[in-house]
Amino acid sequence: MEPSTQDAMRRKQVRILAILVLLLCALVFSPTIRLGIQELLPRAPVRLGAAEFSVPKTWRLARTAEKVIVWKPCNTIFCGSSQGYFDLQSKELPEQVWVDAAKEVLHKNFSEEVITKTISGDSGGVTCVELNSPLEDDRVVASCINGELHLTSTFTGKRSLKPVFYTVLTTAHRTP
């Protein structure tokens, strides 16, 4: 083969290799690319029952009439589950009944000591029941109720994501 034909063939191979690498990167990082596109679009506040709250754009959500499920997706396709998730529901339960039931369920399911704490929010106190220590994979579990808004929620995920969960709950407010 002539040198010019070899050069043309080599350029074509390099171009094909570059396209394949680009496609592979797009496939591997498709969750991050989708989140980047979502960042460009405004997200309306979410309404559930008497409550309205905002979810960070980097978190995904799905909703039904009774429940909103929120999760933090992985940045690549190689992880098996989300980094953290929580659900929000509107329930007409007396707060103390809910707290006692949440303590019992968490202790029964995880055989761990549970603690109760109250966090100040825009529409009153948010009472949370959570495990005293993280699980083996450094995940935490917390279940909270905002008695004023009749909003309940349970978080499971990385310890570093729990403040986002608390922020969503404490900034929830009554819809006009």
C-alpha atoms as a PDB file:
ATOM      1  CA  MET A   1       0.000   0.000   0.000  1.00  0.00           C
ATOM      2  CA  GLU A   2       1.046   3.527  -0.621  1.00  0.00           C
ATOM      3  CA  PRO A   3       1.884   5.780   2.332  1.00  0.00           C
ATOM      4  CA  SER A   4      -1.031   8.146   1.515  1.00  0.00           C
ATOM      5  CA  THR A   5      -3.479   5.217   1.459  1.00  0.00           C
ATOM      6  CA  GLN A   6      -2.104   3.978   4.786  1.00  0.00           C
ATOM      7  CA  ASP A   7      -2.440   7.468   6.282  1.00  0.00           C
ATOM      8  CA  ALA A   8      -6.034   7.726   5.076  1.00  0.00           C
ATOM      9  CA  MET A   9      -6.813   4.280   6.515  1.00  0.00           C
ATOM     10  CA  ARG A  10      -5.192   5.199   9.835  1.00  0.00           C
ATOM     11  CA  ARG A  11      -7.180   8.477  10.063  1.00  0.00           C
ATOM     12  CA  LYS A  12     -10.377   6.548   9.408  1.00  0.00           C
ATOM     13  CA  GLN A  13      -9.512   4.010  12.145  1.00  0.00           C
ATOM     14  CA  VAL A  14      -8.707   6.809  14.612  1.00  0.00           C
ATOM     15  CA  ARG A  15     -12.000   8.537  13.768  1.00  0.00           C
ATOM     16  CA  ILE A  16     -13.958   5.294  14.290  1.00  0.00           C
ATOM     17  CA  LEU A  17     -12.127   4.635  17.582  1.00  0.00           C
ATOM     18  CA  ALA A  18     -12.886   8.178  18.775  1.00  0.00           C
ATOM     19  CA  ILE A  19     -16.581   7.742  17.944  1.00  0.00           C
ATOM     20  CA  LEU A  20     -16.692   4.397  19.788  1.00  0.00           C
ATOM     21  CA  VAL A  21     -14.987   5.887  22.870  1.00  0.00           C
ATOM     22  CA  LEU A  22     -17.424   8.801  22.819  1.00  0.00           C
ATOM     23  CA  LEU A  23     -20.410   6.433  22.591  1.00  0.00           C
ATOM     24  CA  LEU A  24     -19.043   4.303  25.446  1.00  0.00           C
ATOM     25  CA  CYS A  25     -18.591   7.381  27.639  1.00  0.00           C
ATOM     26  CA  ALA A  26     -22.117   8.547  26.804  1.00  0.00           C
ATOM     27  CA  LEU A  27     -23.478   5.138  27.768  1.00  0.00           C
ATOM     28  CA  VAL A  28     -21.534   4.873  31.026  1.00  0.00           C
ATOM     29  CA  PHE A  29     -22.320   8.408  32.143  1.00  0.00           C
ATOM     30  CA  SER A  30     -25.890   8.568  30.818  1.00  0.00           C
ATOM     31  CA  PRO A  31     -27.374   9.090  34.324  1.00  0.00           C
ATOM     32  CA  THR A  32     -25.163  12.127  34.827  1.00  0.00           C
ATOM     33  CA  ILE A  33     -25.949  13.459  31.355  1.00  0.00           C
ATOM     34  CA  ARG A  34     -29.685  13.152  32.029  1.00  0.00           C
ATOM     35  CA  LEU A  35     -29.288  14.988  35.347  1.00  0.00           C
ATOM     36  CA  GLY A  36     -27.331  17.718  33.568  1.00  0.00           C
ATOM     37  CA  ILE A  37     -30.165  18.207  31.103  1.00  0.00           C
ATOM     38  CA  GLN A  38     -32.672  18.281  33.983  1.00  0.00           C
ATOM     39  CA  GLU A  39     -30.625  21.028  35.657  1.00  0.00           C
ATOM     40  CA  LEU A  40     -31.446  23.296  32.715  1.00  0.00           C
ATOM     41  CA  LEU A  41     -35.194  22.960  33.254  1.00  0.00           C
ATOM     42  CA  PRO A  42     -36.975  24.570  36.218  1.00  0.00           C
ATOM     43  CA  ARG A  43     -38.611  22.206  38.704  1.00  0.00           C
ATOM     44  CA  ALA A  44     -41.924  23.233  40.183  1.00  0.00           C
ATOM     45  CA  PRO A  45     -42.555  22.691  43.889  1.00  0.00           C
ATOM     46  CA  VAL A  46     -44.234  19.386  44.709  1.00  0.00           C
ATOM     47  CA  ARG A  47     -47.653  19.355  46.372  1.00  0.00           C
ATOM     48  CA  LEU A  48     -48.877  16.476  48.478  1.00  0.00           C
ATOM     49  CA  GLY A  49     -51.937  16.801  50.671  1.00  0.00           C
ATOM     50  CA  ALA A  50     -51.704  20.129  52.500  1.00  0.00           C
ATOM     51  CA  ALA A  51     -47.923  20.339  52.014  1.00  0.00           C
ATOM     52  CA  GLU A  52     -45.745  21.912  49.377  1.00  0.00           C
ATOM     53  CA  PHE A  53     -42.003  21.213  49.241  1.00  0.00           C
ATOM     54  CA  SER A  54     -39.060  21.449  46.881  1.00  0.00           C
ATOM     55  CA  VAL A  55     -36.776  18.599  45.838  1.00  0.00           C
ATOM     56  CA  PRO A  56     -33.227  19.344  44.643  1.00  0.00           C
ATOM     57  CA  LYS A  57     -32.847  19.022  40.875  1.00  0.00           C
ATOM     58  CA  THR A  58     -30.109  16.416  41.238  1.00  0.00           C
ATOM     59  CA  TRP A  59     -32.638  14.059  42.813  1.00  0.00           C
ATOM     60  CA  ARG A  60     -35.253  12.237  40.723  1.00  0.00           C
ATOM     61  CA  LEU A  61     -38.879  11.803  41.731  1.00  0.00           C
ATOM     62  CA  ALA A  62     -41.937   9.770  40.892  1.00  0.00           C
ATOM     63  CA  ARG A  63     -45.379  10.397  42.244  1.00  0.00           C
ATOM     64  CA  THR A  64     -48.809   8.949  42.667  1.00  0.00           C
ATOM     65  CA  ALA A  65     -51.857  10.608  44.206  1.00  0.00           C
ATOM     66  CA  GLU A  66     -50.896   9.340  47.684  1.00  0.00           C
ATOM     67  CA  LYS A  67     -47.114   9.244  47.626  1.00  0.00           C
ATOM     68  CA  VAL A  68     -43.964  10.910  46.273  1.00  0.00           C
ATOM     69  CA  ILE A  69     -40.811   8.814  45.949  1.00  0.00           C
ATOM     70  CA  VAL A  70     -37.515  10.693  45.710  1.00  0.00           C
ATOM     71  CA  TRP A  71     -34.093   9.156  45.008  1.00  0.00           C
ATOM     72  CA  LYS A  72     -30.524  10.235  44.342  1.00  0.00           C
ATOM     73  CA  PRO A  73     -29.390   8.345  41.237  1.00  0.00           C
ATOM     74  CA  CYS A  74     -25.880   7.070  40.647  1.00  0.00           C
ATOM     75  CA  ASN A  75     -23.520   9.021  38.412  1.00  0.00           C
ATOM     76  CA  THR A  76     -22.681   5.978  36.278  1.00  0.00           C
ATOM     77  CA  ILE A  77     -24.435   2.780  35.227  1.00  0.00           C
ATOM     78  CA  PHE A  78     -22.161   0.600  37.380  1.00  0.00           C
ATOM     79  CA  CYS A  79     -23.889   0.878  40.757  1.00  0.00           C
ATOM     80  CA  GLY A  80     -26.707  -1.458  41.644  1.00  0.00           C
ATOM     81  CA  SER A  81     -28.981   0.902  43.564  1.00  0.00           C
ATOM     82  CA  SER A  82     -29.561   4.566  44.255  1.00  0.00           C
ATOM     83  CA  GLN A  83     -27.360   6.440  46.715  1.00  0.00           C
ATOM     84  CA  GLY A  84     -30.363   7.289  48.838  1.00  0.00           C
ATOM     85  CA  TYR A  85     -34.131   7.530  48.645  1.00  0.00           C
ATOM     86  CA  PHE A  86     -37.139   8.628  50.633  1.00  0.00           C
ATOM     87  CA  ASP A  87     -40.865   8.592  50.243  1.00  0.00           C
ATOM     88  CA  LEU A  88     -43.300  11.246  51.366  1.00  0.00           C
ATOM     89  CA  GLN A  89     -46.919  10.553  52.233  1.00  0.00           C
ATOM     90  CA  SER A  90     -49.795  12.535  53.615  1.00  0.00           C
ATOM     91  CA  LYS A  91     -51.292  10.693  56.609  1.00  0.00           C
ATOM     92  CA  GLU A  92     -53.864  11.772  59.139  1.00  0.00           C
ATOM     93  CA  LEU A  93     -52.277  10.120  62.182  1.00  0.00           C
ATOM     94  CA  PRO A  94     -51.750  11.448  65.683  1.00  0.00           C
ATOM     95  CA  GLU A  95     -48.045  12.224  65.946  1.00  0.00           C
ATOM     96  CA  GLN A  96     -47.390  10.136  69.066  1.00  0.00           C
ATOM     97  CA  VAL A  97     -49.097   7.072  67.558  1.00  0.00           C
ATOM     98  CA  TRP A  98     -46.895   7.415  64.484  1.00  0.00           C
ATOM     99  CA  VAL A  99     -43.703   7.897  66.561  1.00  0.00           C
ATOM    100  CA  ASP A 100     -44.416   4.798  68.674  1.00  0.00           C
ATOM    101  CA  ALA A 101     -45.114   2.710  65.555  1.00  0.00           C
ATOM    102  CA  ALA A 102     -41.970   3.991  63.787  1.00  0.00           C
ATOM    103  CA  LYS A 103     -39.801   3.130  66.814  1.00  0.00           C
ATOM    104  CA  GLU A 104     -41.214  -0.374  66.907  1.00  0.00           C
ATOM    105  CA  VAL A 105     -40.780  -0.977  63.157  1.00  0.00           C
ATOM    106  CA  LEU A 106     -37.200   0.325  63.028  1.00  0.00           C
ATOM    107  CA  HIS A 107     -36.145  -1.655  66.082  1.00  0.00           C
ATOM    108  CA  LYS A 108     -37.844  -4.807  64.802  1.00  0.00           C
ATOM    109  CA  ASN A 109     -36.436  -4.568  61.242  1.00  0.00           C
ATOM    110  CA  PHE A 110     -32.869  -3.549  62.091  1.00  0.00           C
ATOM    111  CA  SER A 111     -32.317  -4.835  65.663  1.00  0.00           C
ATOM    112  CA  GLU A 112     -30.668  -1.528  66.493  1.00  0.00           C
ATOM    113  CA  GLU A 113     -31.286   1.089  69.149  1.00  0.00           C
ATOM    114  CA  VAL A 114     -33.437   3.954  67.891  1.00  0.00           C
ATOM    115  CA  ILE A 115     -33.414   7.591  68.920  1.00  0.00           C
ATOM    116  CA  THR A 116     -36.018  10.336  68.575  1.00  0.00           C
ATOM    117  CA  LYS A 117     -35.224  13.942  67.769  1.00  0.00           C
ATOM    118  CA  THR A 118     -37.157  17.039  66.764  1.00  0.00           C
ATOM    119  CA  ILE A 119     -35.988  19.446  64.077  1.00  0.00           C
ATOM    120  CA  SER A 120     -37.420  22.939  63.657  1.00  0.00           C
ATOM    121  CA  GLY A 121     -39.078  23.545  60.312  1.00  0.00           C
ATOM    122  CA  ASP A 122     -40.895  26.301  58.439  1.00  0.00           C
ATOM    123  CA  SER A 123     -44.259  24.873  59.505  1.00  0.00           C
ATOM    124  CA  GLY A 124     -43.420  23.633  62.983  1.00  0.00           C
ATOM    125  CA  GLY A 125     -41.422  20.762  64.405  1.00  0.00           C
ATOM    126  CA  VAL A 126     -40.469  17.656  62.468  1.00  0.00           C
ATOM    127  CA  THR A 127     -40.150  14.601  64.721  1.00  0.00           C
ATOM    128  CA  CYS A 128     -37.721  11.934  63.511  1.00  0.00           C
ATOM    129  CA  VAL A 129     -37.052   8.393  64.663  1.00  0.00           C
ATOM    130  CA  GLU A 130     -33.754   7.002  63.430  1.00  0.00           C
ATOM    131  CA  LEU A 131     -31.228   4.308  64.053  1.00  0.00           C
ATOM    132  CA  ASN A 132     -28.597   5.287  66.608  1.00  0.00           C
ATOM    133  CA  SER A 133     -25.771   4.013  64.381  1.00  0.00           C
ATOM    134  CA  PRO A 134     -25.340   3.411  60.642  1.00  0.00           C
ATOM    135  CA  LEU A 135     -25.875  -0.004  59.085  1.00  0.00           C
ATOM    136  CA  GLU A 136     -22.947  -2.152  57.891  1.00  0.00           C
ATOM    137  CA  ASP A 137     -22.785  -0.480  54.470  1.00  0.00           C
ATOM    138  CA  ASP A 138     -22.733   2.999  56.100  1.00  0.00           C
ATOM    139  CA  ARG A 139     -26.368   3.600  55.210  1.00  0.00           C
ATOM    140  CA  VAL A 140     -28.710   5.266  57.649  1.00  0.00           C
ATOM    141  CA  VAL A 141     -32.451   4.987  58.177  1.00  0.00           C
ATOM    142  CA  ALA A 142     -34.614   7.834  59.462  1.00  0.00           C
ATOM    143  CA  SER A 143     -38.375   8.151  59.588  1.00  0.00           C
ATOM    144  CA  CYS A 144     -39.992  11.539  60.217  1.00  0.00           C
ATOM    145  CA  ILE A 145     -43.378  13.178  60.639  1.00  0.00           C
ATOM    146  CA  ASN A 146     -44.480  16.764  60.360  1.00  0.00           C
ATOM    147  CA  GLY A 147     -47.632  16.676  62.489  1.00  0.00           C
ATOM    148  CA  GLU A 148     -48.722  20.131  61.357  1.00  0.00           C
ATOM    149  CA  LEU A 149     -48.781  19.130  57.670  1.00  0.00           C
ATOM    150  CA  HIS A 150     -49.623  15.438  58.246  1.00  0.00           C
ATOM    151  CA  LEU A 151     -46.526  14.619  56.178  1.00  0.00           C
ATOM    152  CA  THR A 152     -44.599  11.411  56.882  1.00  0.00           C
ATOM    153  CA  SER A 153     -41.383  10.260  55.290  1.00  0.00           C
ATOM    154  CA  THR A 154     -38.735   7.554  55.569  1.00  0.00           C
ATOM    155  CA  PHE A 155     -35.157   7.941  54.322  1.00  0.00           C
ATOM    156  CA  THR A 156     -32.672   5.156  53.580  1.00  0.00           C
ATOM    157  CA  GLY A 157     -29.287   5.973  52.129  1.00  0.00           C
ATOM    158  CA  LYS A 158     -25.790   7.303  52.548  1.00  0.00           C
ATOM    159  CA  ARG A 159     -25.221   9.212  55.751  1.00  0.00           C
ATOM    160  CA  SER A 160     -23.966  12.218  53.750  1.00  0.00           C
ATOM    161  CA  LEU A 161     -27.366  12.570  52.027  1.00  0.00           C
ATOM    162  CA  LYS A 162     -29.466  12.700  55.205  1.00  0.00           C
ATOM    163  CA  PRO A 163     -29.145  16.525  55.507  1.00  0.00           C
ATOM    164  CA  VAL A 164     -30.839  16.890  52.093  1.00  0.00           C
ATOM    165  CA  PHE A 165     -33.720  14.761  53.384  1.00  0.00           C
ATOM    166  CA  TYR A 166     -34.006  16.941  56.493  1.00  0.00           C
ATOM    167  CA  THR A 167     -33.922  20.103  54.384  1.00  0.00           C
ATOM    168  CA  VAL A 168     -36.799  18.917  52.191  1.00  0.00           C
ATOM    169  CA  LEU A 169     -38.878  18.149  55.294  1.00  0.00           C
ATOM    170  CA  THR A 170     -38.057  21.283  57.267  1.00  0.00           C
ATOM    171  CA  THR A 171     -38.751  23.626  54.344  1.00  0.00           C
ATOM    172  CA  ALA A 172     -42.142  22.071  53.574  1.00  0.00           C
ATOM    173  CA  HIS A 173     -45.015  24.460  54.149  1.00  0.00           C
ATOM    174  CA  ARG A 174     -48.792  24.549  53.932  1.00  0.00           C
ATOM    175  CA  THR A 175     -50.238  25.195  50.488  1.00  0.00           C
ATOM    176  CA  PRO A 176     -52.373  28.308  50.163  1.00  0.00           C
END
